[in-house]
Structures are given as C-alpha cells and as structure tokens.
Amino acid sequence: MSIPILGDFLAADLLAVDAVIRRRLNSDVVLVRTVAEHIIAGGGKRLRPILVILSAGAFGYQGSHHHQLAAVVEFIHTATLLHDDVVDASDLRRGQATANALYGNPASVLVGDFVYSRAFQMMVETGSMRVMEVLAEATNVIAEGEVLQLMNCHDPDIDEQSYLRVIRYKTAKLFEAATRIGAILGGAAGAEEESMACYGMHLGTAFQLIDDVLDYSGDNRNTGKNVGDDLAEGKPTLPLLYVIRHGNAEEQALVRGAIEHGGLDDLPRVTAAIERTGALAYTRRQAEAEAQTAKAALNNVPHSKQRDYLLQLADFAVTRNF
C-alpha cells in the first residue's frame, strides 16, 4: 500500500529495504518464516522506513546503513503488530486475516519475539552505539505504552492527557526514533537531531489520532480493519472521551457503558452520538494541530527534496482515508 505523494522518489530505496527485510527474515525454522512472511507480505505503508530514509537524506547521507535501519524499524513495528493482535484478539489487519487467526496465538507471540531479536542483531551490525541507544529506548517505551493501553481498557474515566500519553508511547515513539536515527546517520547537529525527533513524535501522534477517526468513519476496504474495532475492545479513544465530556446525559451513559463492557451491540448508537457531538471533527482538529507542530519543527532543517516530502507527509497524515 504505497503513499501516493511520494511517487517514485523512494522506489529504489524501498526495494532495497524490502530486499533486506526478506533476507533477514530467513530462518531454518519453517513456522518462523511462514508467520513472518505473512505479516510482511501483507503490505502496509512502510511509513516508518520511509521516515528513516527521508531523514537521513535530508542531511545528505550517502551510505547504505539507512536501508538496514529502515528494515530494523519495520521489524520493531511488525513485532508490535504480532503481539498487539494477540492482546486485542484481532482477526483482520490490512484487509487480511491476522497471523494469530491463521497460526494461533503462541506462534504469533513467539515469532514476534524472533522479529524483535532479529532487529537487535541488525542494529548492532551498524556499529553505532547512539543508534542502538535510541532504538533500545524506543522499544522499551513502546512496551510501556502497550501496558498503559491495557490498563486503560474499559476505563471511561481517563482524561485526554492520559490518552495522549498512550499514543505518544505506543505509536509516536517509533516515528520519533525513525526520524532521529535518520538524522544521526546524516550527521545532523544536536539541535537538528532534536528537531527531527520532534517532527517524528508529532507526526506519529497525528497519525494515530486520524486512525481514531477512521475507526468510526473509515471504509474497511480502505483501512483494512473492521469499523468499531476499538470500541469492541473497550478502548477509550479520543472521539469517545469527547462524547463523555460534551454529550448529553444519555450519550454519556451510553458511551461509558460501551467502554466498560466492550463489544459492538451499541455501535450504531455510539456512532450517532459521535456524529452529533462533533467528536470526529474535534479529533481531526487535534490531529491537524499535531501535524502543524511537526511541520514547524522542520524550520531548523536544511531545505532539500527530502524535507519537502517530510512536510507533505505531515499533510498526508491528516488527509488520508487509509
């Protein structure tokens, strides 16, 4: 699933990244190869690898480690997906059956562990202690975000800041790591590296907020997931929290109950409450504000084609329908 605005600009780089991915997923254990290939072959936007490549290119990087580290970032993302789908009991991702639905929970968890450990093998090969530090911290924070989300499930009383903390840990942290390691590869100065990290963090937050919007308004042919998946799992995402704060008494009680009990029995009524209160419009505005902050962070980055594409990606994050 390509990102249209990029055209063919990164085509050769992404082919090189895919070659690294397929080569490094190889294992003598057949089930490892089968499960890992299933989720990698399932598509995806390759957004995190794209961020590594563009960020390195924005500072004139000419080597080949960016392909390896782009694959590392994708492996970390892939491992989290394998584990997430088990935790969430998901059966659909990117329009196809999840690995756990096909091969069972134990295989998904264990292959996720394999993909994580392979990522660490690969980052060691770059010989950069700074890169290893950034990625090790990111994987740790992501794990904390997963636990925070688990703790927040079925809790309608969390506030917006608590929810944004989950987003920044669980999703935005890997965006931040991707842009930071690209800057490190390119030899960016300290302030420039921080600007790139800030860009990645706010981009990732905007991206997740739009996912929250699409969970109640998207077409599963575009999103590759079922509408209302978050509600079924009792996840108190921003549109639901907005209804609890701004809906009438009946709507507040409805949404609180839906979060507490999960399931999809009340999906039509919850969706109606979301629409009536303007919850999706509010969430989209928050995402647009994050995207603008991301773009502003690039003011300290030298002008280049890569920087232009990073600016366009911030717009894409909030206008996409998949």
C-alpha atoms as a PDB file:
ATOM      1  CA  MET A   1       0.000   0.000   0.000  1.00  0.00           C
ATOM      2  CA  SER A   2       2.018   2.948  -1.292  1.00  0.00           C
ATOM      3  CA  ILE A   3       1.818   6.598  -0.257  1.00  0.00           C
ATOM      4  CA  PRO A   4       0.768   8.480  -3.410  1.00  0.00           C
ATOM      5  CA  ILE A   5       2.561  11.760  -2.693  1.00  0.00           C
ATOM      6  CA  LEU A   6       5.961  10.071  -2.818  1.00  0.00           C
ATOM      7  CA  GLY A   7       5.586   8.970  -6.415  1.00  0.00           C
ATOM      8  CA  ASP A   8       8.742   7.162  -7.497  1.00  0.00           C
ATOM      9  CA  PHE A   9      11.107   9.275  -5.380  1.00  0.00           C
ATOM     10  CA  LEU A  10      11.935   6.460  -2.959  1.00  0.00           C
ATOM     11  CA  ALA A  11      11.128   3.492  -5.185  1.00  0.00           C
ATOM     12  CA  ALA A  12      14.716   2.229  -5.412  1.00  0.00           C
ATOM     13  CA  ASP A  13      15.309   2.757  -1.684  1.00  0.00           C
ATOM     14  CA  LEU A  14      12.156   0.890  -0.721  1.00  0.00           C
ATOM     15  CA  LEU A  15      13.067  -2.012  -2.996  1.00  0.00           C
ATOM     16  CA  ALA A  16      16.419  -2.162  -1.229  1.00  0.00           C
ATOM     17  CA  VAL A  17      14.683  -2.105   2.172  1.00  0.00           C
ATOM     18  CA  ASP A  18      12.316  -4.888   1.117  1.00  0.00           C
ATOM     19  CA  ALA A  19      15.282  -6.955  -0.028  1.00  0.00           C
ATOM     20  CA  VAL A  20      16.878  -6.530   3.405  1.00  0.00           C
ATOM     21  CA  ILE A  21      13.606  -7.435   5.113  1.00  0.00           C
ATOM     22  CA  ARG A  22      13.134 -10.644   3.163  1.00  0.00           C
ATOM     23  CA  ARG A  23      16.767 -11.696   3.518  1.00  0.00           C
ATOM     24  CA  ARG A  24      16.863 -11.094   7.265  1.00  0.00           C
ATOM     25  CA  LEU A  25      13.551 -12.846   7.941  1.00  0.00           C
ATOM     26  CA  ASN A  26      15.116 -16.079   6.769  1.00  0.00           C
ATOM     27  CA  SER A  27      15.153 -18.836   9.365  1.00  0.00           C
ATOM     28  CA  ASP A  28      15.722 -22.574   9.361  1.00  0.00           C
ATOM     29  CA  VAL A  29      12.508 -22.848  11.375  1.00  0.00           C
ATOM     30  CA  VAL A  30       9.694 -23.112   8.834  1.00  0.00           C
ATOM     31  CA  LEU A  31       6.971 -21.656  11.059  1.00  0.00           C
ATOM     32  CA  VAL A  32       9.095 -18.578  11.751  1.00  0.00           C
ATOM     33  CA  ARG A  33       9.469 -17.940   8.026  1.00  0.00           C
ATOM     34  CA  THR A  34       5.795 -18.597   7.347  1.00  0.00           C
ATOM     35  CA  VAL A  35       4.371 -16.287  10.019  1.00  0.00           C
ATOM     36  CA  ALA A  36       6.911 -13.511   9.470  1.00  0.00           C
ATOM     37  CA  GLU A  37       6.404 -13.586   5.709  1.00  0.00           C
ATOM     38  CA  HIS A  38       2.637 -13.458   6.195  1.00  0.00           C
ATOM     39  CA  ILE A  39       2.667 -10.145   8.027  1.00  0.00           C
ATOM     40  CA  ILE A  40       5.448  -8.547   5.952  1.00  0.00           C
ATOM     41  CA  ALA A  41       3.792  -9.570   2.687  1.00  0.00           C
ATOM     42  CA  GLY A  42       0.517  -8.139   3.952  1.00  0.00           C
ATOM     43  CA  GLY A  43       1.542  -4.714   2.730  1.00  0.00           C
ATOM     44  CA  GLY A  44       1.386  -1.584   4.829  1.00  0.00           C
ATOM     45  CA  LYS A  45       2.537   1.910   4.028  1.00  0.00           C
ATOM     46  CA  ARG A  46       6.205   1.338   5.036  1.00  0.00           C
ATOM     47  CA  LEU A  47       5.882   4.783   6.620  1.00  0.00           C
ATOM     48  CA  ARG A  48       8.454   4.252   9.333  1.00  0.00           C
ATOM     49  CA  PRO A  49      11.154   3.034   6.909  1.00  0.00           C
ATOM     50  CA  ILE A  50      10.287   5.993   4.679  1.00  0.00           C
ATOM     51  CA  LEU A  51      10.930   8.328   7.611  1.00  0.00           C
ATOM     52  CA  VAL A  52      14.380   6.818   8.184  1.00  0.00           C
ATOM     53  CA  ILE A  53      15.313   7.216   4.519  1.00  0.00           C
ATOM     54  CA  LEU A  54      13.976  10.758   4.136  1.00  0.00           C
ATOM     55  CA  SER A  55      15.500  11.933   7.409  1.00  0.00           C
ATOM     56  CA  ALA A  56      18.932  10.568   6.514  1.00  0.00           C
ATOM     57  CA  GLY A  57      18.663  12.056   3.034  1.00  0.00           C
ATOM     58  CA  ALA A  58      17.688  15.449   4.433  1.00  0.00           C
ATOM     59  CA  PHE A  59      21.209  15.676   5.865  1.00  0.00           C
ATOM     60  CA  GLY A  60      22.980  14.331   2.805  1.00  0.00           C
ATOM     61  CA  TYR A  61      23.597  10.740   3.939  1.00  0.00           C
ATOM     62  CA  GLN A  62      25.301   8.708   1.198  1.00  0.00           C
ATOM     63  CA  GLY A  63      25.898   5.310   2.817  1.00  0.00           C
ATOM     64  CA  SER A  64      23.768   2.147   2.957  1.00  0.00           C
ATOM     65  CA  HIS A  65      23.051   1.769   6.673  1.00  0.00           C
ATOM     66  CA  HIS A  66      19.786   3.656   6.178  1.00  0.00           C
ATOM     67  CA  HIS A  67      18.345   0.634   4.352  1.00  0.00           C
ATOM     68  CA  GLN A  68      19.340  -1.686   7.182  1.00  0.00           C
ATOM     69  CA  LEU A  69      17.969   0.626   9.870  1.00  0.00           C
ATOM     70  CA  ALA A  70      14.780   1.221   7.892  1.00  0.00           C
ATOM     71  CA  ALA A  71      14.299  -2.553   7.953  1.00  0.00           C
ATOM     72  CA  VAL A  72      15.067  -2.614  11.687  1.00  0.00           C
ATOM     73  CA  VAL A  73      12.354  -0.033  12.362  1.00  0.00           C
ATOM     74  CA  GLU A  74       9.898  -2.024  10.255  1.00  0.00           C
ATOM     75  CA  PHE A  75      10.806  -5.184  12.180  1.00  0.00           C
ATOM     76  CA  ILE A  76      10.130  -3.465  15.501  1.00  0.00           C
ATOM     77  CA  HIS A  77       6.788  -2.289  14.143  1.00  0.00           C
ATOM     78  CA  THR A  78       5.999  -5.773  12.818  1.00  0.00           C
ATOM     79  CA  ALA A  79       6.778  -7.393  16.167  1.00  0.00           C
ATOM     80  CA  THR A  80       4.428  -4.984  17.937  1.00  0.00           C
ATOM     81  CA  LEU A  81       1.671  -5.828  15.433  1.00  0.00           C
ATOM     82  CA  LEU A  82       2.089  -9.553  16.018  1.00  0.00           C
ATOM     83  CA  HIS A  83       1.821  -9.033  19.773  1.00  0.00           C
ATOM     84  CA  ASP A  84      -0.956  -6.427  19.534  1.00  0.00           C
ATOM     85  CA  ASP A  85      -3.214  -8.682  17.508  1.00  0.00           C
ATOM     86  CA  VAL A  86      -2.902 -11.386  20.151  1.00  0.00           C
ATOM     87  CA  VAL A  87      -3.647  -8.975  23.004  1.00  0.00           C
ATOM     88  CA  ASP A  88      -6.588  -7.443  21.113  1.00  0.00           C
ATOM     89  CA  ALA A  89      -7.854 -10.789  19.746  1.00  0.00           C
ATOM     90  CA  SER A  90      -7.912  -9.157  16.300  1.00  0.00           C
ATOM     91  CA  ASP A  91      -8.783 -11.226  13.261  1.00  0.00           C
ATOM     92  CA  LEU A  92      -8.281  -8.650  10.492  1.00  0.00           C
ATOM     93  CA  ARG A  93      -5.353  -6.401   9.611  1.00  0.00           C
ATOM     94  CA  ARG A  94      -4.655  -4.661   6.290  1.00  0.00           C
ATOM     95  CA  GLY A  95      -7.678  -6.426   4.853  1.00  0.00           C
ATOM     96  CA  GLN A  96      -6.470  -9.950   5.545  1.00  0.00           C
ATOM     97  CA  ALA A  97      -6.586 -12.471   8.360  1.00  0.00           C
ATOM     98  CA  THR A  98      -4.150 -11.753  11.181  1.00  0.00           C
ATOM     99  CA  ALA A  99      -1.287 -14.126  11.902  1.00  0.00           C
ATOM    100  CA  ASN A 100      -2.846 -15.179  15.200  1.00  0.00           C
ATOM    101  CA  ALA A 101      -6.114 -16.004  13.430  1.00  0.00           C
ATOM    102  CA  LEU A 102      -4.262 -18.235  10.968  1.00  0.00           C
ATOM    103  CA  TYR A 103      -1.484 -19.755  13.053  1.00  0.00           C
ATOM    104  CA  GLY A 104      -2.614 -19.299  16.649  1.00  0.00           C
ATOM    105  CA  ASN A 105      -1.584 -17.029  19.498  1.00  0.00           C
ATOM    106  CA  PRO A 106       1.523 -18.947  20.614  1.00  0.00           C
ATOM    107  CA  ALA A 107       3.069 -18.818  17.132  1.00  0.00           C
ATOM    108  CA  SER A 108       2.332 -15.099  16.779  1.00  0.00           C
ATOM    109  CA  VAL A 109       3.868 -14.204  20.133  1.00  0.00           C
ATOM    110  CA  LEU A 110       6.972 -16.318  19.604  1.00  0.00           C
ATOM    111  CA  VAL A 111       7.569 -15.132  16.043  1.00  0.00           C
ATOM    112  CA  GLY A 112       7.104 -11.580  17.296  1.00  0.00           C
ATOM    113  CA  ASP A 113       9.917 -12.294  19.733  1.00  0.00           C
ATOM    114  CA  PHE A 114      12.045 -13.600  16.853  1.00  0.00           C
ATOM    115  CA  VAL A 115      11.438 -10.451  14.806  1.00  0.00           C
ATOM    116  CA  TYR A 116      12.330  -8.241  17.799  1.00  0.00           C
ATOM    117  CA  SER A 117      15.570 -10.102  18.434  1.00  0.00           C
ATOM    118  CA  ARG A 118      16.487 -10.054  14.742  1.00  0.00           C
ATOM    119  CA  ALA A 119      16.025  -6.281  14.787  1.00  0.00           C
ATOM    120  CA  PHE A 120      18.540  -6.000  17.625  1.00  0.00           C
ATOM    121  CA  GLN A 121      21.021  -8.224  15.800  1.00  0.00           C
ATOM    122  CA  MET A 122      20.785  -5.910  12.811  1.00  0.00           C
ATOM    123  CA  MET A 123      21.142  -2.659  14.736  1.00  0.00           C
ATOM    124  CA  VAL A 124      24.314  -3.984  16.385  1.00  0.00           C
ATOM    125  CA  GLU A 125      25.772  -4.532  12.910  1.00  0.00           C
ATOM    126  CA  THR A 126      25.664  -0.797  12.208  1.00  0.00           C
ATOM    127  CA  GLY A 127      28.303  -0.270  14.919  1.00  0.00           C
ATOM    128  CA  SER A 128      26.627   2.891  16.234  1.00  0.00           C
ATOM    129  CA  MET A 129      26.111   2.927  19.984  1.00  0.00           C
ATOM    130  CA  ARG A 130      23.975   6.065  19.630  1.00  0.00           C
ATOM    131  CA  VAL A 131      21.608   4.350  17.184  1.00  0.00           C
ATOM    132  CA  MET A 132      21.360   1.318  19.469  1.00  0.00           C
ATOM    133  CA  GLU A 133      20.601   3.601  22.406  1.00  0.00           C
ATOM    134  CA  VAL A 134      17.778   5.344  20.536  1.00  0.00           C
ATOM    135  CA  LEU A 135      16.156   2.115  19.326  1.00  0.00           C
ATOM    136  CA  ALA A 136      16.563   0.293  22.637  1.00  0.00           C
ATOM    137  CA  GLU A 137      14.870   3.173  24.446  1.00  0.00           C
ATOM    138  CA  ALA A 138      12.105   3.279  21.836  1.00  0.00           C
ATOM    139  CA  THR A 139      11.261  -0.416  22.183  1.00  0.00           C
ATOM    140  CA  ASN A 140      11.126  -0.032  25.952  1.00  0.00           C
ATOM    141  CA  VAL A 141       8.808   2.980  25.788  1.00  0.00           C
ATOM    142  CA  ILE A 142       6.581   1.212  23.240  1.00  0.00           C
ATOM    143  CA  ALA A 143       6.211  -1.717  25.630  1.00  0.00           C
ATOM    144  CA  GLU A 144       5.234   0.699  28.401  1.00  0.00           C
ATOM    145  CA  GLY A 145       2.657   2.214  26.047  1.00  0.00           C
ATOM    146  CA  GLU A 146       1.171  -1.207  25.377  1.00  0.00           C
ATOM    147  CA  VAL A 147       0.809  -1.804  29.115  1.00  0.00           C
ATOM    148  CA  LEU A 148      -0.704   1.651  29.647  1.00  0.00           C
ATOM    149  CA  GLN A 149      -3.254   0.953  26.933  1.00  0.00           C
ATOM    150  CA  LEU A 150      -4.091  -2.372  28.545  1.00  0.00           C
ATOM    151  CA  MET A 151      -4.587  -0.624  31.896  1.00  0.00           C
ATOM    152  CA  ASN A 152      -6.851   1.985  30.273  1.00  0.00           C
ATOM    153  CA  CYS A 153      -9.086  -0.526  28.512  1.00  0.00           C
ATOM    154  CA  HIS A 154     -12.675  -0.473  29.805  1.00  0.00           C
ATOM    155  CA  ASP A 155     -11.941   2.711  31.783  1.00  0.00           C
ATOM    156  CA  PRO A 156     -14.173   5.618  30.716  1.00  0.00           C
ATOM    157  CA  ASP A 157     -12.676   7.937  33.344  1.00  0.00           C
ATOM    158  CA  ILE A 158      -9.247   8.535  31.811  1.00  0.00           C
ATOM    159  CA  ASP A 159      -8.648  12.094  30.637  1.00  0.00           C
ATOM    160  CA  GLU A 160      -7.393  13.362  27.299  1.00  0.00           C
ATOM    161  CA  GLN A 161      -3.835  13.853  28.516  1.00  0.00           C
ATOM    162  CA  SER A 162      -3.658  10.269  29.737  1.00  0.00           C
ATOM    163  CA  TYR A 163      -4.875   9.062  26.375  1.00  0.00           C
ATOM    164  CA  LEU A 164      -2.352  11.219  24.509  1.00  0.00           C
ATOM    165  CA  ARG A 165       0.377   9.748  26.700  1.00  0.00           C
ATOM    166  CA  VAL A 166      -0.575   6.274  25.438  1.00  0.00           C
ATOM    167  CA  ILE A 167      -0.403   7.491  21.833  1.00  0.00           C
ATOM    168  CA  ARG A 168       2.989   9.112  22.309  1.00  0.00           C
ATOM    169  CA  TYR A 169       4.403   5.978  23.933  1.00  0.00           C
ATOM    170  CA  LYS A 170       2.749   3.293  21.829  1.00  0.00           C
ATOM    171  CA  THR A 171       2.749   4.840  18.356  1.00  0.00           C
ATOM    172  CA  ALA A 172       4.599   8.138  18.149  1.00  0.00           C
ATOM    173  CA  LYS A 173       7.767   6.892  19.860  1.00  0.00           C
ATOM    174  CA  LEU A 174       8.763   4.716  16.897  1.00  0.00           C
ATOM    175  CA  PHE A 175       8.095   7.601  14.486  1.00  0.00           C
ATOM    176  CA  GLU A 176      10.349   9.733  16.660  1.00  0.00           C
ATOM    177  CA  ALA A 177      13.049   7.049  16.702  1.00  0.00           C
ATOM    178  CA  ALA A 178      12.873   6.659  12.913  1.00  0.00           C
ATOM    179  CA  THR A 179      13.417  10.351  12.234  1.00  0.00           C
ATOM    180  CA  ARG A 180      16.058  10.655  14.950  1.00  0.00           C
ATOM    181  CA  ILE A 181      18.207   7.770  13.680  1.00  0.00           C
ATOM    182  CA  GLY A 182      17.948   9.116  10.136  1.00  0.00           C
ATOM    183  CA  ALA A 183      19.281  12.440  11.393  1.00  0.00           C
ATOM    184  CA  ILE A 184      22.047  10.665  13.305  1.00  0.00           C
ATOM    185  CA  LEU A 185      23.094   8.772  10.175  1.00  0.00           C
ATOM    186  CA  GLY A 186      23.164  12.044   8.242  1.00  0.00           C
ATOM    187  CA  GLY A 187      25.435  13.690  10.812  1.00  0.00           C
ATOM    188  CA  ALA A 188      22.875  16.241  11.937  1.00  0.00           C
ATOM    189  CA  ALA A 189      23.875  18.707  14.624  1.00  0.00           C
ATOM    190  CA  GLY A 190      22.308  18.294  18.065  1.00  0.00           C
ATOM    191  CA  ALA A 191      19.585  20.915  17.532  1.00  0.00           C
ATOM    192  CA  GLU A 192      18.761  19.484  14.109  1.00  0.00           C
ATOM    193  CA  GLU A 193      18.501  15.979  15.541  1.00  0.00           C
ATOM    194  CA  GLU A 194      16.078  17.219  18.178  1.00  0.00           C
ATOM    195  CA  SER A 195      14.026  18.983  15.515  1.00  0.00           C
ATOM    196  CA  MET A 196      13.736  15.764  13.542  1.00  0.00           C
ATOM    197  CA  ALA A 197      12.759  13.832  16.671  1.00  0.00           C
ATOM    198  CA  CYS A 198      10.107  16.452  17.462  1.00  0.00           C
ATOM    199  CA  TYR A 199       8.782  16.177  13.912  1.00  0.00           C
ATOM    200  CA  GLY A 200       8.512  12.394  14.208  1.00  0.00           C
ATOM    201  CA  MET A 201       6.782  12.464  17.567  1.00  0.00           C
ATOM    202  CA  HIS A 202       4.108  14.941  16.481  1.00  0.00           C
ATOM    203  CA  LEU A 203       3.657  13.227  13.121  1.00  0.00           C
ATOM    204  CA  GLY A 204       3.103   9.906  14.868  1.00  0.00           C
ATOM    205  CA  THR A 205       0.572  11.472  17.218  1.00  0.00           C
ATOM    206  CA  ALA A 206      -1.333  13.000  14.299  1.00  0.00           C
ATOM    207  CA  PHE A 207      -1.241   9.674  12.515  1.00  0.00           C
ATOM    208  CA  GLN A 208      -2.772   7.789  15.453  1.00  0.00           C
ATOM    209  CA  LEU A 209      -5.457  10.419  16.014  1.00  0.00           C
ATOM    210  CA  ILE A 210      -6.590  10.014  12.415  1.00  0.00           C
ATOM    211  CA  ASP A 211      -6.654   6.259  12.958  1.00  0.00           C
ATOM    212  CA  ASP A 212      -9.059   7.000  15.810  1.00  0.00           C
ATOM    213  CA  VAL A 213     -11.231   8.977  13.397  1.00  0.00           C
ATOM    214  CA  LEU A 214     -11.143   6.235  10.770  1.00  0.00           C
ATOM    215  CA  ASP A 215     -12.165   3.630  13.332  1.00  0.00           C
ATOM    216  CA  TYR A 216     -15.624   5.209  13.302  1.00  0.00           C
ATOM    217  CA  SER A 217     -15.777   6.658   9.797  1.00  0.00           C
ATOM    218  CA  GLY A 218     -13.489   4.633   7.532  1.00  0.00           C
ATOM    219  CA  ASP A 219     -14.323   2.085   4.870  1.00  0.00           C
ATOM    220  CA  ASN A 220     -12.762  -1.265   5.750  1.00  0.00           C
ATOM    221  CA  ARG A 221     -11.863  -1.713   2.090  1.00  0.00           C
ATOM    222  CA  ASN A 222      -9.502   1.231   2.563  1.00  0.00           C
ATOM    223  CA  THR A 223      -8.486   0.840   6.200  1.00  0.00           C
ATOM    224  CA  GLY A 224      -8.106  -2.942   6.175  1.00  0.00           C
ATOM    225  CA  LYS A 225      -9.758  -3.238   9.602  1.00  0.00           C
ATOM    226  CA  ASN A 226     -13.287  -3.513  10.900  1.00  0.00           C
ATOM    227  CA  VAL A 227     -15.155  -0.327  11.814  1.00  0.00           C
ATOM    228  CA  GLY A 228     -15.573  -0.158  15.577  1.00  0.00           C
ATOM    229  CA  ASP A 229     -12.649  -2.433  16.430  1.00  0.00           C
ATOM    230  CA  ASP A 230     -11.512  -0.071  19.192  1.00  0.00           C
ATOM    231  CA  LEU A 231     -14.990   0.032  20.704  1.00  0.00           C
ATOM    232  CA  ALA A 232     -15.229  -3.762  20.613  1.00  0.00           C
ATOM    233  CA  GLU A 233     -12.045  -3.905  22.696  1.00  0.00           C
ATOM    234  CA  GLY A 234     -13.259  -1.280  25.178  1.00  0.00           C
ATOM    235  CA  LYS A 235     -10.555   1.210  24.200  1.00  0.00           C
ATOM    236  CA  PRO A 236     -11.389   4.772  25.301  1.00  0.00           C
ATOM    237  CA  THR A 237     -10.116   6.656  22.259  1.00  0.00           C
ATOM    238  CA  LEU A 238     -10.409  10.419  21.841  1.00  0.00           C
ATOM    239  CA  PRO A 239     -13.764  10.503  19.992  1.00  0.00           C
ATOM    240  CA  LEU A 240     -15.353   8.517  22.819  1.00  0.00           C
ATOM    241  CA  LEU A 241     -13.761  10.661  25.517  1.00  0.00           C
ATOM    242  CA  TYR A 242     -15.100  13.753  23.744  1.00  0.00           C
ATOM    243  CA  VAL A 243     -18.661  12.386  23.838  1.00  0.00           C
ATOM    244  CA  ILE A 244     -18.304  11.677  27.566  1.00  0.00           C
ATOM    245  CA  ARG A 245     -17.273  15.316  28.118  1.00  0.00           C
ATOM    246  CA  HIS A 246     -19.697  17.024  25.719  1.00  0.00           C
ATOM    247  CA  GLY A 247     -22.615  14.683  25.066  1.00  0.00           C
ATOM    248  CA  ASN A 248     -25.963  14.810  26.799  1.00  0.00           C
ATOM    249  CA  ALA A 249     -26.625  12.581  29.800  1.00  0.00           C
ATOM    250  CA  GLU A 250     -27.969   9.726  27.681  1.00  0.00           C
ATOM    251  CA  GLU A 251     -24.995   9.828  25.296  1.00  0.00           C
ATOM    252  CA  GLN A 252     -22.515   9.978  28.150  1.00  0.00           C
ATOM    253  CA  ALA A 253     -24.077   6.951  29.825  1.00  0.00           C
ATOM    254  CA  LEU A 254     -24.192   5.071  26.525  1.00  0.00           C
ATOM    255  CA  VAL A 255     -20.519   5.623  25.744  1.00  0.00           C
ATOM    256  CA  ARG A 256     -19.395   4.932  29.303  1.00  0.00           C
ATOM    257  CA  GLY A 257     -21.229   1.621  29.199  1.00  0.00           C
ATOM    258  CA  ALA A 258     -19.815   0.748  25.788  1.00  0.00           C
ATOM    259  CA  ILE A 259     -16.255   1.337  27.014  1.00  0.00           C
ATOM    260  CA  GLU A 260     -16.826  -0.572  30.242  1.00  0.00           C
ATOM    261  CA  HIS A 261     -18.334  -3.628  28.580  1.00  0.00           C
ATOM    262  CA  GLY A 262     -16.798  -3.602  25.081  1.00  0.00           C
ATOM    263  CA  GLY A 263     -18.500  -5.321  22.168  1.00  0.00           C
ATOM    264  CA  LEU A 264     -20.375  -3.865  19.221  1.00  0.00           C
ATOM    265  CA  ASP A 265     -24.001  -4.100  20.337  1.00  0.00           C
ATOM    266  CA  ASP A 266     -24.229  -0.320  20.754  1.00  0.00           C
ATOM    267  CA  LEU A 267     -22.048   0.645  17.773  1.00  0.00           C
ATOM    268  CA  PRO A 268     -24.835   2.378  15.748  1.00  0.00           C
ATOM    269  CA  ARG A 269     -25.938   4.454  18.746  1.00  0.00           C
ATOM    270  CA  VAL A 270     -22.375   5.274  19.749  1.00  0.00           C
ATOM    271  CA  THR A 271     -21.579   6.315  16.179  1.00  0.00           C
ATOM    272  CA  ALA A 272     -24.659   8.566  16.173  1.00  0.00           C
ATOM    273  CA  ALA A 273     -23.506  10.200  19.426  1.00  0.00           C
ATOM    274  CA  ILE A 274     -20.026  10.725  17.982  1.00  0.00           C
ATOM    275  CA  GLU A 275     -21.523  12.405  14.930  1.00  0.00           C
ATOM    276  CA  ARG A 276     -23.974  14.583  16.864  1.00  0.00           C
ATOM    277  CA  THR A 277     -21.355  15.937  19.265  1.00  0.00           C
ATOM    278  CA  GLY A 278     -18.762  16.627  16.566  1.00  0.00           C
ATOM    279  CA  ALA A 279     -16.287  14.275  18.208  1.00  0.00           C
ATOM    280  CA  LEU A 280     -14.641  13.275  14.932  1.00  0.00           C
ATOM    281  CA  ALA A 281     -14.236  16.888  13.862  1.00  0.00           C
ATOM    282  CA  TYR A 282     -12.628  17.661  17.234  1.00  0.00           C
ATOM    283  CA  THR A 283     -10.251  14.700  16.955  1.00  0.00           C
ATOM    284  CA  ARG A 284      -9.327  15.713  13.427  1.00  0.00           C
ATOM    285  CA  ARG A 285      -8.573  19.264  14.598  1.00  0.00           C
ATOM    286  CA  GLN A 286      -6.273  17.881  17.270  1.00  0.00           C
ATOM    287  CA  ALA A 287      -4.520  15.781  14.625  1.00  0.00           C
ATOM    288  CA  GLU A 288      -4.146  18.813  12.352  1.00  0.00           C
ATOM    289  CA  ALA A 289      -2.602  20.791  15.221  1.00  0.00           C
ATOM    290  CA  GLU A 290      -0.090  17.980  15.781  1.00  0.00           C
ATOM    291  CA  ALA A 291       0.731  17.936  12.070  1.00  0.00           C
ATOM    292  CA  GLN A 292       1.318  21.687  12.069  1.00  0.00           C
ATOM    293  CA  THR A 293       3.654  21.349  15.053  1.00  0.00           C
ATOM    294  CA  ALA A 294       5.509  18.615  13.181  1.00  0.00           C
ATOM    295  CA  LYS A 295       5.929  20.843  10.137  1.00  0.00           C
ATOM    296  CA  ALA A 296       7.113  23.768  12.257  1.00  0.00           C
ATOM    297  CA  ALA A 297       9.843  21.551  13.714  1.00  0.00           C
ATOM    298  CA  LEU A 298      11.363  21.284  10.242  1.00  0.00           C
ATOM    299  CA  ASN A 299      12.106  25.019  10.158  1.00  0.00           C
ATOM    300  CA  ASN A 300      15.547  24.181  11.557  1.00  0.00           C
ATOM    301  CA  VAL A 301      16.260  21.538   8.892  1.00  0.00           C
ATOM    302  CA  PRO A 302      18.111  22.453   5.663  1.00  0.00           C
ATOM    303  CA  HIS A 303      15.978  22.781   2.540  1.00  0.00           C
ATOM    304  CA  SER A 304      16.002  19.671   0.346  1.00  0.00           C
ATOM    305  CA  LYS A 305      13.663  17.430  -1.617  1.00  0.00           C
ATOM    306  CA  GLN A 306      13.586  15.114   1.377  1.00  0.00           C
ATOM    307  CA  ARG A 307      12.461  17.938   3.650  1.00  0.00           C
ATOM    308  CA  ASP A 308       9.718  18.835   1.165  1.00  0.00           C
ATOM    309  CA  TYR A 309       8.456  15.257   1.259  1.00  0.00           C
ATOM    310  CA  LEU A 310       8.523  15.236   5.053  1.00  0.00           C
ATOM    311  CA  LEU A 311       6.318  18.340   5.008  1.00  0.00           C
ATOM    312  CA  GLN A 312       3.946  16.623   2.584  1.00  0.00           C
ATOM    313  CA  LEU A 313       3.819  13.524   4.786  1.00  0.00           C
ATOM    314  CA  ALA A 314       2.509  15.669   7.641  1.00  0.00           C
ATOM    315  CA  ASP A 315      -0.357  16.778   5.389  1.00  0.00           C
ATOM    316  CA  PHE A 316      -0.936  13.220   4.203  1.00  0.00           C
ATOM    317  CA  ALA A 317      -1.182  12.003   7.803  1.00  0.00           C
ATOM    318  CA  VAL A 318      -4.333  14.059   8.380  1.00  0.00           C
ATOM    319  CA  THR A 319      -5.994  13.855   4.943  1.00  0.00           C
ATOM    320  CA  ARG A 320      -5.670  10.117   4.262  1.00  0.00           C
ATOM    321  CA  ASN A 321      -8.557   7.645   4.227  1.00  0.00           C
ATOM    322  CA  PHE A 322      -6.466   4.523   4.922  1.00  0.00           C
END
